[in-house]
Amino acid sequence: MSVDRFNSLLVCVDVSARGFDEEGPPPAAVQACLSEVNWIREQSGASVTLMTVVEGDDVDSEILDLARHRLEEIVLPHLKGDVEVAVSHGTAHVEIIRKVLRDGHDLVVLSARRAGRVHPTLVGSVSLHVLRQCPCPVFVAPRTSETGPKVVLSAVALHDFTSSVLELSAAVVKLRGGQWHIYHCPEYPAEGGMRLKGASVEETETYEAGVRKHAWDELHQLCDPLAEQTGVTPEFWMSEGLPSEQIVLAVRKLKADLLVLGTVGRPGLVAGLVGNTAEKVIHSVECSILAVKPEGFESSVGLEG
């Protein structure tokens, strides 16, 4: 998976949000999102669909026409090339995911939530639902437009789809330049049983050292070919503690612009690192997020209500 393999982008903008004014440009966060879309399209040649969803089941045609007008007159001029426009109504995240399922989009792009003292992170409730249940990768764009090199942090557990996270991370760094960091928080599943059996401190430490070595070896096995292919050499990080807390600390310490991570949707949470680690991380970081699902993931959202 790489940036240039995206064929169909679904860009979702809430034109009912504060900041939209027919006399001026869209809010800064939306402009930043559209700038990222233009960059991705330039690298991939993908088609683009611009979508808005009016919340509610009973929405009259006048409101839908107003939403389309705002989309076409305020948002569309900031996108390059031919763009399809789609207006829907209902529950926002459900309609977005149904659009993905119907039309086969392979990347959903969402604009960041407005910054605030109470909610400084980028992800709002709609974005979180999409991150949980959308079968294709989801990109929550930054609040401000910044070109040039990026600091990309890949947070990985050793799952089957870790390679997808790493491949996409490498592609972004190769195309945009900058730094690539890979973070892993080791788990010790047998440690509890060892303690119950009365294992010595030395035995436990030997087991933990073996787990860490296996993790290093596996990560290098996955990343070394990518480094050779892309010319990007990542820096590896590993630390002990709660993964959600350690990943957030890593994002802040490294001043990451983009966090790439794997997510697996379950009712009520995003998982894929350790339990609900991914959801805790998503709620706590202010950098852009690119979330990847494992191959074969099936959303609980169906085509019909």
C-alpha atoms as a PDB file:
ATOM      1  CA  MET A   1       0.000   0.000   0.000  1.00  0.00           C
ATOM      2  CA  SER A   2       1.378   3.421  -0.899  1.00  0.00           C
ATOM      3  CA  VAL A   3       0.178   6.940  -1.583  1.00  0.00           C
ATOM      4  CA  ASP A   4       0.348   6.455  -5.340  1.00  0.00           C
ATOM      5  CA  ARG A   5      -1.916   3.415  -5.148  1.00  0.00           C
ATOM      6  CA  PHE A   6      -4.938   5.419  -4.033  1.00  0.00           C
ATOM      7  CA  ASN A   7      -7.404   5.511  -6.913  1.00  0.00           C
ATOM      8  CA  SER A   8     -10.508   7.087  -5.414  1.00  0.00           C
ATOM      9  CA  LEU A   9     -10.616   9.704  -2.647  1.00  0.00           C
ATOM     10  CA  LEU A  10     -13.765  10.547  -0.688  1.00  0.00           C
ATOM     11  CA  VAL A  11     -13.382  13.997   0.877  1.00  0.00           C
ATOM     12  CA  CYS A  12     -15.961  14.781   3.549  1.00  0.00           C
ATOM     13  CA  VAL A  13     -16.738  18.328   4.656  1.00  0.00           C
ATOM     14  CA  ASP A  14     -19.459  19.518   7.041  1.00  0.00           C
ATOM     15  CA  VAL A  15     -20.755  22.692   5.393  1.00  0.00           C
ATOM     16  CA  SER A  16     -23.129  23.311   8.304  1.00  0.00           C
ATOM     17  CA  ALA A  17     -20.195  23.841  10.701  1.00  0.00           C
ATOM     18  CA  ARG A  18     -19.287  27.234  12.088  1.00  0.00           C
ATOM     19  CA  GLY A  19     -16.947  29.263   9.930  1.00  0.00           C
ATOM     20  CA  PHE A  20     -18.663  28.839   6.580  1.00  0.00           C
ATOM     21  CA  ASP A  21     -19.511  32.199   5.065  1.00  0.00           C
ATOM     22  CA  GLU A  22     -20.606  32.629   1.479  1.00  0.00           C
ATOM     23  CA  GLU A  23     -18.683  35.906   1.371  1.00  0.00           C
ATOM     24  CA  GLY A  24     -15.370  34.303   2.285  1.00  0.00           C
ATOM     25  CA  PRO A  25     -13.234  31.158   2.060  1.00  0.00           C
ATOM     26  CA  PRO A  26     -13.939  27.966   4.023  1.00  0.00           C
ATOM     27  CA  PRO A  27     -12.516  27.605   7.555  1.00  0.00           C
ATOM     28  CA  ALA A  28      -8.745  27.211   7.833  1.00  0.00           C
ATOM     29  CA  ALA A  29      -8.961  23.543   8.833  1.00  0.00           C
ATOM     30  CA  VAL A  30     -11.038  22.769   5.730  1.00  0.00           C
ATOM     31  CA  GLN A  31      -8.571  24.642   3.524  1.00  0.00           C
ATOM     32  CA  ALA A  32      -5.735  22.594   5.051  1.00  0.00           C
ATOM     33  CA  CYS A  33      -7.671  19.407   4.340  1.00  0.00           C
ATOM     34  CA  LEU A  34      -8.228  20.407   0.709  1.00  0.00           C
ATOM     35  CA  SER A  35      -4.549  21.251   0.329  1.00  0.00           C
ATOM     36  CA  GLU A  36      -3.667  17.718   1.476  1.00  0.00           C
ATOM     37  CA  VAL A  37      -6.190  16.288  -0.991  1.00  0.00           C
ATOM     38  CA  ASN A  38      -4.582  18.214  -3.838  1.00  0.00           C
ATOM     39  CA  TRP A  39      -1.174  16.846  -2.818  1.00  0.00           C
ATOM     40  CA  ILE A  40      -2.400  13.241  -2.579  1.00  0.00           C
ATOM     41  CA  ARG A  41      -4.126  13.561  -5.935  1.00  0.00           C
ATOM     42  CA  GLU A  42      -0.999  14.977  -7.517  1.00  0.00           C
ATOM     43  CA  GLN A  43       1.000  11.970  -6.289  1.00  0.00           C
ATOM     44  CA  SER A  44      -1.601   9.322  -7.092  1.00  0.00           C
ATOM     45  CA  GLY A  45      -3.733  10.570  -9.960  1.00  0.00           C
ATOM     46  CA  ALA A  46      -6.800   9.497  -7.973  1.00  0.00           C
ATOM     47  CA  SER A  47     -10.339  10.616  -8.682  1.00  0.00           C
ATOM     48  CA  VAL A  48     -11.946  12.839  -6.037  1.00  0.00           C
ATOM     49  CA  THR A  49     -15.475  12.918  -4.691  1.00  0.00           C
ATOM     50  CA  LEU A  50     -16.438  15.831  -2.437  1.00  0.00           C
ATOM     51  CA  MET A  51     -19.223  14.925  -0.023  1.00  0.00           C
ATOM     52  CA  THR A  52     -21.307  16.568   2.663  1.00  0.00           C
ATOM     53  CA  VAL A  53     -23.973  14.989   4.850  1.00  0.00           C
ATOM     54  CA  VAL A  54     -26.872  16.952   6.326  1.00  0.00           C
ATOM     55  CA  GLU A  55     -27.726  15.351   9.646  1.00  0.00           C
ATOM     56  CA  GLY A  56     -31.306  14.111   9.985  1.00  0.00           C
ATOM     57  CA  ASP A  57     -33.650  11.698   8.249  1.00  0.00           C
ATOM     58  CA  ASP A  58     -36.379  14.205   7.419  1.00  0.00           C
ATOM     59  CA  VAL A  59     -34.533  16.907   5.473  1.00  0.00           C
ATOM     60  CA  ASP A  60     -36.315  19.026   2.870  1.00  0.00           C
ATOM     61  CA  SER A  61     -34.963  19.729  -0.607  1.00  0.00           C
ATOM     62  CA  GLU A  62     -34.275  23.403   0.156  1.00  0.00           C
ATOM     63  CA  ILE A  63     -31.743  22.485   2.860  1.00  0.00           C
ATOM     64  CA  LEU A  64     -30.099  19.919   0.594  1.00  0.00           C
ATOM     65  CA  ASP A  65     -29.861  22.500  -2.200  1.00  0.00           C
ATOM     66  CA  LEU A  66     -28.253  24.984   0.209  1.00  0.00           C
ATOM     67  CA  ALA A  67     -25.720  22.356   1.290  1.00  0.00           C
ATOM     68  CA  ARG A  68     -24.856  21.624  -2.342  1.00  0.00           C
ATOM     69  CA  HIS A  69     -24.534  25.341  -3.063  1.00  0.00           C
ATOM     70  CA  ARG A  70     -22.072  25.799  -0.199  1.00  0.00           C
ATOM     71  CA  LEU A  71     -20.109  22.757  -1.302  1.00  0.00           C
ATOM     72  CA  GLU A  72     -19.881  23.930  -4.919  1.00  0.00           C
ATOM     73  CA  GLU A  73     -19.363  27.648  -4.307  1.00  0.00           C
ATOM     74  CA  ILE A  74     -17.200  27.707  -1.169  1.00  0.00           C
ATOM     75  CA  VAL A  75     -15.325  24.394  -1.043  1.00  0.00           C
ATOM     76  CA  LEU A  76     -15.008  23.132  -4.611  1.00  0.00           C
ATOM     77  CA  PRO A  77     -12.896  26.075  -5.915  1.00  0.00           C
ATOM     78  CA  HIS A  78     -10.071  24.986  -3.575  1.00  0.00           C
ATOM     79  CA  LEU A  79      -9.731  21.577  -5.239  1.00  0.00           C
ATOM     80  CA  LYS A  80      -7.798  20.997  -8.446  1.00  0.00           C
ATOM     81  CA  GLY A  81      -9.105  18.996 -11.387  1.00  0.00           C
ATOM     82  CA  ASP A  82     -12.441  17.341 -11.979  1.00  0.00           C
ATOM     83  CA  VAL A  83     -14.382  16.609  -8.791  1.00  0.00           C
ATOM     84  CA  GLU A  84     -17.661  14.783  -8.290  1.00  0.00           C
ATOM     85  CA  VAL A  85     -20.000  16.386  -5.736  1.00  0.00           C
ATOM     86  CA  ALA A  86     -22.281  14.325  -3.501  1.00  0.00           C
ATOM     87  CA  VAL A  87     -24.887  15.515  -0.972  1.00  0.00           C
ATOM     88  CA  SER A  88     -26.647  13.143   1.373  1.00  0.00           C
ATOM     89  CA  HIS A  89     -28.672  13.229   4.564  1.00  0.00           C
ATOM     90  CA  GLY A  90     -28.942  10.953   7.582  1.00  0.00           C
ATOM     91  CA  THR A  91     -26.316  10.006  10.159  1.00  0.00           C
ATOM     92  CA  ALA A  92     -23.027  11.443   8.914  1.00  0.00           C
ATOM     93  CA  HIS A  93     -20.641   8.564   9.580  1.00  0.00           C
ATOM     94  CA  VAL A  94     -23.152   5.989   8.329  1.00  0.00           C
ATOM     95  CA  GLU A  95     -23.674   7.826   5.041  1.00  0.00           C
ATOM     96  CA  ILE A  96     -19.912   8.269   4.569  1.00  0.00           C
ATOM     97  CA  ILE A  97     -19.242   4.562   5.094  1.00  0.00           C
ATOM     98  CA  ARG A  98     -22.132   3.562   2.835  1.00  0.00           C
ATOM     99  CA  LYS A  99     -20.666   5.789   0.129  1.00  0.00           C
ATOM    100  CA  VAL A 100     -17.343   3.940   0.521  1.00  0.00           C
ATOM    101  CA  LEU A 101     -19.077   0.558   0.319  1.00  0.00           C
ATOM    102  CA  ARG A 102     -21.150   1.519  -2.739  1.00  0.00           C
ATOM    103  CA  ASP A 103     -18.455   3.238  -4.781  1.00  0.00           C
ATOM    104  CA  GLY A 104     -15.261   1.515  -3.672  1.00  0.00           C
ATOM    105  CA  HIS A 105     -13.352   4.572  -2.439  1.00  0.00           C
ATOM    106  CA  ASP A 106      -9.938   3.583  -1.087  1.00  0.00           C
ATOM    107  CA  LEU A 107      -9.207   6.626   1.109  1.00  0.00           C
ATOM    108  CA  VAL A 108     -11.511   8.821   3.187  1.00  0.00           C
ATOM    109  CA  VAL A 109     -10.181  12.302   3.984  1.00  0.00           C
ATOM    110  CA  LEU A 110     -11.711  14.253   6.857  1.00  0.00           C
ATOM    111  CA  SER A 111     -10.965  17.796   7.985  1.00  0.00           C
ATOM    112  CA  ALA A 112      -9.839  18.385  11.554  1.00  0.00           C
ATOM    113  CA  ARG A 113     -12.151  19.502  14.304  1.00  0.00           C
ATOM    114  CA  ARG A 114     -11.882  23.153  15.344  1.00  0.00           C
ATOM    115  CA  ALA A 115      -9.275  23.693  18.040  1.00  0.00           C
ATOM    116  CA  GLY A 116     -10.481  24.595  21.500  1.00  0.00           C
ATOM    117  CA  ARG A 117      -9.450  24.549  25.130  1.00  0.00           C
ATOM    118  CA  VAL A 118     -11.805  21.709  25.987  1.00  0.00           C
ATOM    119  CA  HIS A 119     -11.177  19.627  22.838  1.00  0.00           C
ATOM    120  CA  PRO A 120      -7.660  20.325  21.514  1.00  0.00           C
ATOM    121  CA  THR A 121      -7.417  17.102  19.476  1.00  0.00           C
ATOM    122  CA  LEU A 122      -8.283  16.864  15.784  1.00  0.00           C
ATOM    123  CA  VAL A 123     -10.862  14.083  15.978  1.00  0.00           C
ATOM    124  CA  GLY A 124     -14.520  14.858  16.545  1.00  0.00           C
ATOM    125  CA  SER A 125     -17.382  12.404  17.025  1.00  0.00           C
ATOM    126  CA  VAL A 126     -18.067  11.858  13.309  1.00  0.00           C
ATOM    127  CA  SER A 127     -14.388  11.282  12.550  1.00  0.00           C
ATOM    128  CA  LEU A 128     -14.129   8.817  15.426  1.00  0.00           C
ATOM    129  CA  HIS A 129     -17.099   6.782  14.158  1.00  0.00           C
ATOM    130  CA  VAL A 130     -15.582   6.713  10.670  1.00  0.00           C
ATOM    131  CA  LEU A 131     -12.211   5.648  12.079  1.00  0.00           C
ATOM    132  CA  ARG A 132     -13.942   2.828  13.932  1.00  0.00           C
ATOM    133  CA  GLN A 133     -16.024   1.427  11.144  1.00  0.00           C
ATOM    134  CA  CYS A 134     -14.720   2.496   7.730  1.00  0.00           C
ATOM    135  CA  PRO A 135     -13.162  -0.438   5.833  1.00  0.00           C
ATOM    136  CA  CYS A 136     -10.649   1.691   3.882  1.00  0.00           C
ATOM    137  CA  PRO A 137      -7.845   3.886   5.292  1.00  0.00           C
ATOM    138  CA  VAL A 138      -8.954   7.153   6.892  1.00  0.00           C
ATOM    139  CA  PHE A 139      -6.889  10.342   6.940  1.00  0.00           C
ATOM    140  CA  VAL A 140      -7.728  13.106   9.412  1.00  0.00           C
ATOM    141  CA  ALA A 141      -5.945  16.109   7.909  1.00  0.00           C
ATOM    142  CA  PRO A 142      -4.049  18.810   9.851  1.00  0.00           C
ATOM    143  CA  ARG A 143      -5.608  22.081  10.959  1.00  0.00           C
ATOM    144  CA  THR A 144      -3.181  24.242   9.012  1.00  0.00           C
ATOM    145  CA  SER A 145      -1.603  23.976   5.573  1.00  0.00           C
ATOM    146  CA  GLU A 146       2.095  23.207   5.812  1.00  0.00           C
ATOM    147  CA  THR A 147       4.139  22.016   2.874  1.00  0.00           C
ATOM    148  CA  GLY A 148       7.523  20.367   2.966  1.00  0.00           C
ATOM    149  CA  PRO A 149       9.079  17.575   5.039  1.00  0.00           C
ATOM    150  CA  LYS A 150       7.086  15.867   7.765  1.00  0.00           C
ATOM    151  CA  VAL A 151       7.839  13.899  10.892  1.00  0.00           C
ATOM    152  CA  VAL A 152       5.985  10.607  10.487  1.00  0.00           C
ATOM    153  CA  LEU A 153       5.494   8.286  13.462  1.00  0.00           C
ATOM    154  CA  SER A 154       4.320   4.716  12.835  1.00  0.00           C
ATOM    155  CA  ALA A 155       2.839   3.139  15.963  1.00  0.00           C
ATOM    156  CA  VAL A 156       2.894  -0.611  15.457  1.00  0.00           C
ATOM    157  CA  ALA A 157       1.967  -3.762  17.256  1.00  0.00           C
ATOM    158  CA  LEU A 158       3.174  -6.974  15.678  1.00  0.00           C
ATOM    159  CA  HIS A 159      -0.032  -7.866  13.843  1.00  0.00           C
ATOM    160  CA  ASP A 160      -0.570  -9.299  10.394  1.00  0.00           C
ATOM    161  CA  PHE A 161      -1.321  -5.857   8.937  1.00  0.00           C
ATOM    162  CA  THR A 162       1.681  -4.090  10.484  1.00  0.00           C
ATOM    163  CA  SER A 163       3.313  -4.288   7.045  1.00  0.00           C
ATOM    164  CA  SER A 164       0.498  -2.149   5.581  1.00  0.00           C
ATOM    165  CA  VAL A 165       1.106   0.543   8.212  1.00  0.00           C
ATOM    166  CA  LEU A 166       4.832   0.537   7.530  1.00  0.00           C
ATOM    167  CA  GLU A 167       4.526   0.500   3.727  1.00  0.00           C
ATOM    168  CA  LEU A 168       2.172   3.466   3.727  1.00  0.00           C
ATOM    169  CA  SER A 169       4.360   5.356   6.201  1.00  0.00           C
ATOM    170  CA  ALA A 170       7.443   4.787   4.049  1.00  0.00           C
ATOM    171  CA  ALA A 171       5.618   5.981   0.942  1.00  0.00           C
ATOM    172  CA  VAL A 172       4.541   9.230   2.627  1.00  0.00           C
ATOM    173  CA  VAL A 173       8.069   9.971   3.831  1.00  0.00           C
ATOM    174  CA  LYS A 174       9.593   9.122   0.461  1.00  0.00           C
ATOM    175  CA  LEU A 175       7.245  11.460  -1.388  1.00  0.00           C
ATOM    176  CA  ARG A 176       7.271  14.313   1.079  1.00  0.00           C
ATOM    177  CA  GLY A 177      10.655  14.006   2.755  1.00  0.00           C
ATOM    178  CA  GLY A 178      11.354  14.355   6.442  1.00  0.00           C
ATOM    179  CA  GLN A 179      11.871  11.913   9.284  1.00  0.00           C
ATOM    180  CA  TRP A 180      10.393   8.463   9.876  1.00  0.00           C
ATOM    181  CA  HIS A 181      10.099   7.025  13.372  1.00  0.00           C
ATOM    182  CA  ILE A 182       8.720   3.611  14.298  1.00  0.00           C
ATOM    183  CA  TYR A 183       7.412   3.023  17.798  1.00  0.00           C
ATOM    184  CA  HIS A 184       6.588  -0.292  19.434  1.00  0.00           C
ATOM    185  CA  CYS A 185       5.531  -1.010  23.010  1.00  0.00           C
ATOM    186  CA  PRO A 186       6.319  -4.667  23.825  1.00  0.00           C
ATOM    187  CA  GLU A 187       3.817  -6.985  25.493  1.00  0.00           C
ATOM    188  CA  TYR A 188       4.684  -9.904  27.760  1.00  0.00           C
ATOM    189  CA  PRO A 189       1.674 -12.255  27.633  1.00  0.00           C
ATOM    190  CA  ALA A 190       3.362 -15.125  29.491  1.00  0.00           C
ATOM    191  CA  GLU A 191       4.673 -13.024  32.346  1.00  0.00           C
ATOM    192  CA  GLY A 192       1.628 -13.396  34.577  1.00  0.00           C
ATOM    193  CA  GLY A 193       1.690 -17.168  34.310  1.00  0.00           C
ATOM    194  CA  MET A 194       5.403 -17.242  35.036  1.00  0.00           C
ATOM    195  CA  ARG A 195       4.912 -15.310  38.248  1.00  0.00           C
ATOM    196  CA  LEU A 196       2.097 -17.612  39.338  1.00  0.00           C
ATOM    197  CA  LYS A 197       4.436 -20.553  38.848  1.00  0.00           C
ATOM    198  CA  GLY A 198       7.067 -18.848  40.974  1.00  0.00           C
ATOM    199  CA  ALA A 199       9.537 -17.980  38.242  1.00  0.00           C
ATOM    200  CA  SER A 200      12.617 -16.158  39.438  1.00  0.00           C
ATOM    201  CA  VAL A 201      13.401 -12.558  38.623  1.00  0.00           C
ATOM    202  CA  GLU A 202      16.204 -13.772  36.370  1.00  0.00           C
ATOM    203  CA  GLU A 203      13.855 -16.074  34.437  1.00  0.00           C
ATOM    204  CA  THR A 204      11.334 -13.270  34.001  1.00  0.00           C
ATOM    205  CA  GLU A 205      13.981 -10.832  32.819  1.00  0.00           C
ATOM    206  CA  THR A 206      15.338 -13.397  30.368  1.00  0.00           C
ATOM    207  CA  TYR A 207      11.838 -13.919  28.972  1.00  0.00           C
ATOM    208  CA  GLU A 208      11.277 -10.150  28.621  1.00  0.00           C
ATOM    209  CA  ALA A 209      14.631  -9.697  26.883  1.00  0.00           C
ATOM    210  CA  GLY A 210      13.675 -12.465  24.444  1.00  0.00           C
ATOM    211  CA  VAL A 211      10.358 -10.761  23.646  1.00  0.00           C
ATOM    212  CA  ARG A 212      12.115  -7.457  22.963  1.00  0.00           C
ATOM    213  CA  LYS A 213      14.736  -9.108  20.745  1.00  0.00           C
ATOM    214  CA  HIS A 214      12.026 -10.890  18.765  1.00  0.00           C
ATOM    215  CA  ALA A 215      10.220  -7.564  18.291  1.00  0.00           C
ATOM    216  CA  TRP A 216      13.387  -5.810  17.096  1.00  0.00           C
ATOM    217  CA  ASP A 217      14.181  -8.642  14.704  1.00  0.00           C
ATOM    218  CA  GLU A 218      10.665  -8.702  13.257  1.00  0.00           C
ATOM    219  CA  LEU A 219      10.490  -4.927  12.849  1.00  0.00           C
ATOM    220  CA  HIS A 220      13.843  -4.851  11.068  1.00  0.00           C
ATOM    221  CA  GLN A 221      12.767  -7.740   8.853  1.00  0.00           C
ATOM    222  CA  LEU A 222       9.722  -5.720   7.814  1.00  0.00           C
ATOM    223  CA  CYS A 223      11.423  -2.335   7.536  1.00  0.00           C
ATOM    224  CA  ASP A 224      14.844  -3.042   6.058  1.00  0.00           C
ATOM    225  CA  PRO A 225      13.459  -3.863   2.584  1.00  0.00           C
ATOM    226  CA  LEU A 226      11.305  -0.709   2.713  1.00  0.00           C
ATOM    227  CA  ALA A 227      14.309   1.392   3.670  1.00  0.00           C
ATOM    228  CA  GLU A 228      16.251  -0.030   0.741  1.00  0.00           C
ATOM    229  CA  GLN A 229      13.396   0.467  -1.717  1.00  0.00           C
ATOM    230  CA  THR A 230      12.481   3.984  -0.648  1.00  0.00           C
ATOM    231  CA  GLY A 231      15.787   5.385   0.548  1.00  0.00           C
ATOM    232  CA  VAL A 232      14.163   6.212   3.879  1.00  0.00           C
ATOM    233  CA  THR A 233      15.898   4.891   6.990  1.00  0.00           C
ATOM    234  CA  PRO A 234      13.562   4.844  10.005  1.00  0.00           C
ATOM    235  CA  GLU A 235      14.557   5.320  13.612  1.00  0.00           C
ATOM    236  CA  PHE A 236      13.203   2.659  15.970  1.00  0.00           C
ATOM    237  CA  TRP A 237      11.823   3.343  19.436  1.00  0.00           C
ATOM    238  CA  MET A 238      10.696   0.939  22.126  1.00  0.00           C
ATOM    239  CA  SER A 239       9.648   1.667  25.703  1.00  0.00           C
ATOM    240  CA  GLU A 240       7.825   0.062  28.603  1.00  0.00           C
ATOM    241  CA  GLY A 241       4.481   1.175  29.975  1.00  0.00           C
ATOM    242  CA  LEU A 242       0.901   1.622  28.850  1.00  0.00           C
ATOM    243  CA  PRO A 243       0.999   1.750  25.037  1.00  0.00           C
ATOM    244  CA  SER A 244      -1.581   4.535  24.804  1.00  0.00           C
ATOM    245  CA  GLU A 245       0.413   6.767  27.137  1.00  0.00           C
ATOM    246  CA  GLN A 246       3.768   5.928  25.566  1.00  0.00           C
ATOM    247  CA  ILE A 247       2.575   6.595  22.013  1.00  0.00           C
ATOM    248  CA  VAL A 248       1.173   9.994  22.994  1.00  0.00           C
ATOM    249  CA  LEU A 249       4.458  10.841  24.716  1.00  0.00           C
ATOM    250  CA  ALA A 250       6.354   9.773  21.576  1.00  0.00           C
ATOM    251  CA  VAL A 251       4.145  11.963  19.363  1.00  0.00           C
ATOM    252  CA  ARG A 252       4.857  14.957  21.570  1.00  0.00           C
ATOM    253  CA  LYS A 253       8.561  14.265  22.076  1.00  0.00           C
ATOM    254  CA  LEU A 254       9.227  13.771  18.371  1.00  0.00           C
ATOM    255  CA  LYS A 255       6.848  16.601  17.385  1.00  0.00           C
ATOM    256  CA  ALA A 256       5.194  14.257  14.905  1.00  0.00           C
ATOM    257  CA  ASP A 257       3.137  15.792  12.102  1.00  0.00           C
ATOM    258  CA  LEU A 258       1.496  12.499  11.157  1.00  0.00           C
ATOM    259  CA  LEU A 259       0.670   9.413  13.207  1.00  0.00           C
ATOM    260  CA  VAL A 260       0.091   6.221  11.199  1.00  0.00           C
ATOM    261  CA  LEU A 261      -1.501   3.335  13.050  1.00  0.00           C
ATOM    262  CA  GLY A 262      -3.533   0.206  12.547  1.00  0.00           C
ATOM    263  CA  THR A 263      -7.095   0.050  13.818  1.00  0.00           C
ATOM    264  CA  VAL A 264      -9.590  -2.770  14.077  1.00  0.00           C
ATOM    265  CA  GLY A 265     -13.198  -1.756  14.613  1.00  0.00           C
ATOM    266  CA  ARG A 266     -15.217  -3.328  17.376  1.00  0.00           C
ATOM    267  CA  PRO A 267     -18.490  -2.125  18.874  1.00  0.00           C
ATOM    268  CA  GLY A 268     -17.684   0.880  21.025  1.00  0.00           C
ATOM    269  CA  LEU A 269     -13.944   1.066  20.458  1.00  0.00           C
ATOM    270  CA  VAL A 270     -11.069   1.229  18.056  1.00  0.00           C
ATOM    271  CA  ALA A 271      -8.554  -1.495  18.706  1.00  0.00           C
ATOM    272  CA  GLY A 272      -5.557  -2.882  16.912  1.00  0.00           C
ATOM    273  CA  LEU A 273      -2.658  -1.975  19.147  1.00  0.00           C
ATOM    274  CA  VAL A 274      -3.540  -3.301  22.607  1.00  0.00           C
ATOM    275  CA  GLY A 275      -7.230  -3.432  23.484  1.00  0.00           C
ATOM    276  CA  ASN A 276      -8.560   0.114  23.206  1.00  0.00           C
ATOM    277  CA  THR A 277      -5.103   1.661  22.868  1.00  0.00           C
ATOM    278  CA  ALA A 278      -5.767   3.181  19.449  1.00  0.00           C
ATOM    279  CA  GLU A 279      -8.902   4.950  20.603  1.00  0.00           C
ATOM    280  CA  LYS A 280      -7.143   6.409  23.636  1.00  0.00           C
ATOM    281  CA  VAL A 281      -4.328   7.638  21.404  1.00  0.00           C
ATOM    282  CA  ILE A 282      -6.697   9.161  18.856  1.00  0.00           C
ATOM    283  CA  HIS A 283      -8.423  11.105  21.641  1.00  0.00           C
ATOM    284  CA  SER A 284      -5.112  12.452  22.949  1.00  0.00           C
ATOM    285  CA  VAL A 285      -2.984  13.600  20.005  1.00  0.00           C
ATOM    286  CA  GLU A 286      -3.147  16.824  18.019  1.00  0.00           C
ATOM    287  CA  CYS A 287      -1.190  15.683  14.944  1.00  0.00           C
ATOM    288  CA  SER A 288      -2.733  14.339  11.738  1.00  0.00           C
ATOM    289  CA  ILE A 289      -3.828  10.701  11.771  1.00  0.00           C
ATOM    290  CA  LEU A 290      -3.750   8.036   9.076  1.00  0.00           C
ATOM    291  CA  ALA A 291      -5.552   4.883  10.202  1.00  0.00           C
ATOM    292  CA  VAL A 292      -5.307   1.569   8.361  1.00  0.00           C
ATOM    293  CA  LYS A 293      -7.610  -1.448   8.611  1.00  0.00           C
ATOM    294  CA  PRO A 294      -6.511  -5.054   8.121  1.00  0.00           C
ATOM    295  CA  GLU A 295      -7.318  -6.706   4.810  1.00  0.00           C
ATOM    296  CA  GLY A 296     -10.768  -8.277   4.846  1.00  0.00           C
ATOM    297  CA  PHE A 297     -12.169  -5.972   7.537  1.00  0.00           C
ATOM    298  CA  GLU A 298     -15.966  -5.849   7.397  1.00  0.00           C
ATOM    299  CA  SER A 299     -17.798  -2.821   8.704  1.00  0.00           C
ATOM    300  CA  SER A 300     -20.885  -3.243  10.875  1.00  0.00           C
ATOM    301  CA  VAL A 301     -22.454  -0.467   8.801  1.00  0.00           C
ATOM    302  CA  GLY A 302     -24.476  -1.991   5.996  1.00  0.00           C
ATOM    303  CA  LEU A 303     -25.610  -0.554   2.688  1.00  0.00           C
ATOM    304  CA  GLU A 304     -29.158  -0.385   3.943  1.00  0.00           C
ATOM    305  CA  GLY A 305     -30.531   0.883   7.245  1.00  0.00           C
END
